[in-house]
Amino acid sequence: MQAITMEGIYLRDLASGSILDVETKSRHYRIVYVGGDEILISGHPRLCPEPVSAELRGSLRGSGEVQAGFIGRGLRLALWRLTDVFA
């Protein structure tokens, strides 16, 4: 398996089942692309120690603007855990 480092990636450019290892300042996340805006994410000891289903909204720019469907280097992830949706 080859590690690839890049400035960012759009979910639409991934095949379903693609796996991303994302390093932040304080965490290491594993993201599995399911399809559309849906991902499985793990790596946070409290919010997602085991893979949870989430909707990736995109990456937050400094202005608070969300770059939809994009995971970018140096930007914060904007996501919504689907387990937080109450019926």
N, C-alpha and C. Protein backbone atom coordinates (compact mmCIF):
# COMPACT_ATOMS: atom_id res chain seq x y z
N MET A 1 0.84 -1.17 0.00
CA MET A 1 0.00 0.00 0.00
C MET A 1 0.89 1.24 0.00
N GLN A 2 0.53 2.22 -0.79
CA GLN A 2 1.33 3.43 -0.94
C GLN A 2 0.67 4.60 -0.20
N ALA A 3 1.44 5.36 0.57
CA ALA A 3 0.93 6.56 1.23
C ALA A 3 1.03 7.73 0.25
N ILE A 4 -0.03 8.50 0.20
CA ILE A 4 -0.06 9.66 -0.69
C ILE A 4 -0.32 10.90 0.16
N THR A 5 0.48 11.92 -0.02
CA THR A 5 0.29 13.18 0.67
C THR A 5 -0.15 14.21 -0.35
N MET A 6 -1.20 14.97 -0.02
CA MET A 6 -1.71 15.97 -0.95
C MET A 6 -2.31 17.13 -0.20
N GLU A 7 -2.67 18.17 -0.93
CA GLU A 7 -3.25 19.36 -0.33
C GLU A 7 -4.72 19.17 0.01
N GLY A 8 -5.37 18.23 -0.65
CA GLY A 8 -6.77 17.98 -0.36
C GLY A 8 -7.39 17.10 -1.42
N ILE A 9 -8.61 16.67 -1.11
CA ILE A 9 -9.31 15.77 -2.04
C ILE A 9 -10.82 15.98 -1.89
N TYR A 10 -11.51 15.88 -3.01
CA TYR A 10 -12.97 15.93 -3.00
C TYR A 10 -13.50 14.50 -2.91
N LEU A 11 -14.54 14.32 -2.10
CA LEU A 11 -15.15 13.00 -1.98
C LEU A 11 -15.59 12.46 -3.33
N ARG A 12 -16.09 13.32 -4.19
CA ARG A 12 -16.61 12.87 -5.49
C ARG A 12 -15.52 12.21 -6.35
N ASP A 13 -14.25 12.46 -6.01
CA ASP A 13 -13.14 11.86 -6.76
C ASP A 13 -12.74 10.48 -6.23
N LEU A 14 -13.41 10.03 -5.18
CA LEU A 14 -13.08 8.74 -4.57
C LEU A 14 -14.05 7.66 -4.99
N ALA A 15 -13.57 6.44 -5.01
CA ALA A 15 -14.46 5.28 -5.22
C ALA A 15 -15.01 4.86 -3.87
N SER A 16 -16.23 4.36 -3.86
CA SER A 16 -16.81 3.83 -2.62
C SER A 16 -15.86 2.79 -2.04
N GLY A 17 -15.66 2.84 -0.73
CA GLY A 17 -14.75 1.92 -0.07
C GLY A 17 -13.34 2.47 0.08
N SER A 18 -13.07 3.63 -0.52
CA SER A 18 -11.74 4.25 -0.37
C SER A 18 -11.48 4.58 1.09
N ILE A 19 -10.24 4.41 1.52
CA ILE A 19 -9.85 4.65 2.90
C ILE A 19 -8.85 5.80 2.94
N LEU A 20 -9.12 6.77 3.82
CA LEU A 20 -8.24 7.91 4.01
C LEU A 20 -7.72 7.90 5.45
N ASP A 21 -6.43 8.11 5.62
CA ASP A 21 -5.84 8.32 6.93
C ASP A 21 -5.56 9.80 7.04
N VAL A 22 -6.23 10.47 7.96
CA VAL A 22 -6.14 11.92 8.08
C VAL A 22 -5.50 12.28 9.41
N GLU A 23 -4.39 12.99 9.35
CA GLU A 23 -3.68 13.48 10.53
C GLU A 23 -4.11 14.92 10.80
N THR A 24 -4.51 15.20 12.04
CA THR A 24 -4.77 16.57 12.45
C THR A 24 -3.70 16.95 13.47
N LYS A 25 -3.82 18.12 14.05
CA LYS A 25 -2.84 18.54 15.05
C LYS A 25 -2.83 17.61 16.25
N SER A 26 -3.98 17.04 16.59
CA SER A 26 -4.06 16.24 17.81
C SER A 26 -4.59 14.82 17.63
N ARG A 27 -5.00 14.45 16.44
CA ARG A 27 -5.62 13.14 16.24
C ARG A 27 -5.19 12.51 14.92
N HIS A 28 -5.46 11.22 14.84
CA HIS A 28 -5.30 10.47 13.60
C HIS A 28 -6.65 9.83 13.32
N TYR A 29 -7.27 10.21 12.21
CA TYR A 29 -8.59 9.68 11.86
C TYR A 29 -8.46 8.71 10.69
N ARG A 30 -9.33 7.73 10.71
CA ARG A 30 -9.48 6.81 9.58
C ARG A 30 -10.88 7.08 9.02
N ILE A 31 -10.92 7.41 7.75
CA ILE A 31 -12.18 7.71 7.08
C ILE A 31 -12.38 6.72 5.94
N VAL A 32 -13.53 6.07 5.94
CA VAL A 32 -13.91 5.17 4.85
C VAL A 32 -15.04 5.86 4.10
N TYR A 33 -14.84 6.07 2.81
CA TYR A 33 -15.85 6.71 1.98
C TYR A 33 -16.92 5.70 1.62
N VAL A 34 -18.17 6.01 1.97
CA VAL A 34 -19.29 5.11 1.70
C VAL A 34 -19.94 5.45 0.36
N GLY A 35 -20.16 6.73 0.11
CA GLY A 35 -20.80 7.19 -1.11
C GLY A 35 -21.55 8.47 -0.84
N GLY A 36 -21.76 9.28 -1.86
CA GLY A 36 -22.43 10.58 -1.65
C GLY A 36 -21.62 11.42 -0.69
N ASP A 37 -22.25 11.87 0.39
CA ASP A 37 -21.56 12.62 1.45
C ASP A 37 -21.29 11.75 2.66
N GLU A 38 -21.59 10.45 2.59
CA GLU A 38 -21.49 9.58 3.76
C GLU A 38 -20.12 8.95 3.90
N ILE A 39 -19.64 8.97 5.15
CA ILE A 39 -18.35 8.37 5.50
C ILE A 39 -18.52 7.57 6.78
N LEU A 40 -17.57 6.70 7.05
CA LEU A 40 -17.40 6.09 8.36
C LEU A 40 -16.11 6.69 8.90
N ILE A 41 -16.16 7.22 10.12
CA ILE A 41 -14.99 7.88 10.68
C ILE A 41 -14.70 7.34 12.07
N SER A 42 -13.42 7.17 12.38
CA SER A 42 -12.99 6.76 13.71
C SER A 42 -11.69 7.47 14.02
N GLY A 43 -11.37 7.54 15.32
CA GLY A 43 -10.10 8.13 15.71
C GLY A 43 -10.18 9.12 16.86
N HIS A 44 -11.38 9.57 17.21
CA HIS A 44 -11.53 10.47 18.36
C HIS A 44 -11.95 9.62 19.55
N PRO A 45 -11.22 9.72 20.67
CA PRO A 45 -11.50 8.82 21.80
C PRO A 45 -12.90 8.93 22.39
N ARG A 46 -13.54 10.08 22.25
CA ARG A 46 -14.88 10.24 22.81
C ARG A 46 -15.97 10.23 21.74
N LEU A 47 -15.76 10.90 20.63
CA LEU A 47 -16.80 11.05 19.61
C LEU A 47 -16.90 9.88 18.64
N CYS A 48 -15.77 9.25 18.35
CA CYS A 48 -15.80 8.14 17.39
C CYS A 48 -14.61 7.20 17.63
N PRO A 49 -14.57 6.55 18.80
CA PRO A 49 -13.48 5.61 19.03
C PRO A 49 -13.57 4.40 18.09
N GLU A 50 -14.77 4.04 17.74
CA GLU A 50 -15.07 3.00 16.75
C GLU A 50 -15.71 3.69 15.56
N PRO A 51 -15.67 3.10 14.37
CA PRO A 51 -16.26 3.76 13.20
C PRO A 51 -17.74 4.11 13.41
N VAL A 52 -18.07 5.36 13.11
CA VAL A 52 -19.46 5.82 13.15
C VAL A 52 -19.79 6.41 11.78
N SER A 53 -21.05 6.30 11.43
CA SER A 53 -21.53 6.85 10.17
C SER A 53 -21.69 8.36 10.33
N ALA A 54 -21.21 9.10 9.33
CA ALA A 54 -21.28 10.56 9.38
C ALA A 54 -21.48 11.12 7.98
N GLU A 55 -21.97 12.35 7.94
CA GLU A 55 -22.08 13.10 6.69
C GLU A 55 -20.94 14.11 6.68
N LEU A 56 -20.08 14.04 5.69
CA LEU A 56 -19.00 15.01 5.57
C LEU A 56 -19.53 16.23 4.86
N ARG A 57 -19.56 17.34 5.57
CA ARG A 57 -20.01 18.59 4.97
C ARG A 57 -18.90 19.21 4.14
N GLY A 58 -17.65 19.03 4.59
CA GLY A 58 -16.50 19.58 3.87
C GLY A 58 -15.44 20.05 4.83
N SER A 59 -14.68 21.07 4.42
CA SER A 59 -13.63 21.65 5.24
C SER A 59 -13.94 23.11 5.51
N LEU A 60 -13.64 23.55 6.73
CA LEU A 60 -13.88 24.94 7.11
C LEU A 60 -12.68 25.80 6.79
N ARG A 61 -12.92 26.87 6.09
CA ARG A 61 -11.89 27.87 5.81
C ARG A 61 -11.85 28.84 6.98
N GLY A 62 -10.83 29.68 7.04
CA GLY A 62 -10.68 30.64 8.13
C GLY A 62 -11.86 31.57 8.30
N SER A 63 -12.56 31.86 7.22
CA SER A 63 -13.72 32.76 7.25
C SER A 63 -14.97 32.07 7.79
N GLY A 64 -14.89 30.76 8.04
CA GLY A 64 -16.05 30.00 8.48
C GLY A 64 -16.82 29.39 7.33
N GLU A 65 -16.40 29.70 6.11
CA GLU A 65 -17.03 29.14 4.91
C GLU A 65 -16.67 27.66 4.79
N VAL A 66 -17.64 26.86 4.40
CA VAL A 66 -17.41 25.43 4.21
C VAL A 66 -17.14 25.16 2.74
N GLN A 67 -16.02 24.51 2.46
CA GLN A 67 -15.75 24.07 1.09
C GLN A 67 -16.36 22.68 0.99
N ALA A 68 -17.52 22.60 0.40
CA ALA A 68 -18.36 21.40 0.39
C ALA A 68 -17.66 20.19 -0.23
N GLY A 69 -17.79 19.04 0.47
CA GLY A 69 -17.28 17.78 -0.06
C GLY A 69 -15.78 17.67 -0.15
N PHE A 70 -15.05 18.56 0.51
CA PHE A 70 -13.59 18.63 0.37
C PHE A 70 -12.93 18.38 1.71
N ILE A 71 -11.85 17.59 1.70
CA ILE A 71 -10.99 17.41 2.87
C ILE A 71 -9.67 18.07 2.50
N GLY A 72 -9.33 19.16 3.20
CA GLY A 72 -8.16 19.94 2.83
C GLY A 72 -7.10 20.02 3.91
N ARG A 73 -5.87 20.04 3.49
CA ARG A 73 -4.74 20.16 4.40
C ARG A 73 -4.82 21.51 5.12
N GLY A 74 -4.65 21.49 6.44
CA GLY A 74 -4.65 22.70 7.23
C GLY A 74 -6.03 23.26 7.53
N LEU A 75 -7.09 22.57 7.08
CA LEU A 75 -8.45 23.02 7.32
C LEU A 75 -9.14 22.07 8.29
N ARG A 76 -10.15 22.58 8.98
CA ARG A 76 -10.92 21.75 9.92
C ARG A 76 -12.01 20.98 9.18
N LEU A 77 -12.24 19.76 9.61
CA LEU A 77 -13.31 18.96 9.03
C LEU A 77 -14.65 19.44 9.56
N ALA A 78 -15.63 19.51 8.69
CA ALA A 78 -17.00 19.82 9.07
C ALA A 78 -17.82 18.58 8.77
N LEU A 79 -18.30 17.93 9.82
CA LEU A 79 -19.08 16.71 9.63
C LEU A 79 -20.20 16.64 10.63
N TRP A 80 -21.14 15.75 10.36
CA TRP A 80 -22.30 15.52 11.22
C TRP A 80 -22.41 14.02 11.43
N ARG A 81 -22.27 13.60 12.69
CA ARG A 81 -22.42 12.17 12.98
C ARG A 81 -23.89 11.79 12.77
N LEU A 82 -24.15 10.80 11.95
CA LEU A 82 -25.52 10.41 11.67
C LEU A 82 -26.16 9.76 12.89
N THR A 83 -25.35 9.31 13.83
CA THR A 83 -25.88 8.75 15.08
C THR A 83 -26.47 9.85 15.96
N ASP A 84 -26.20 11.13 15.66
CA ASP A 84 -26.72 12.25 16.43
C ASP A 84 -28.10 12.67 15.95
N VAL A 85 -28.59 12.09 14.86
CA VAL A 85 -29.89 12.44 14.32
C VAL A 85 -30.95 11.69 15.14
N PHE A 86 -31.85 12.45 15.71
CA PHE A 86 -32.89 11.85 16.53
C PHE A 86 -34.19 11.76 15.74
N ALA A 87 -34.86 10.64 15.87
CA ALA A 87 -36.12 10.43 15.15
C ALA A 87 -37.28 10.99 15.96
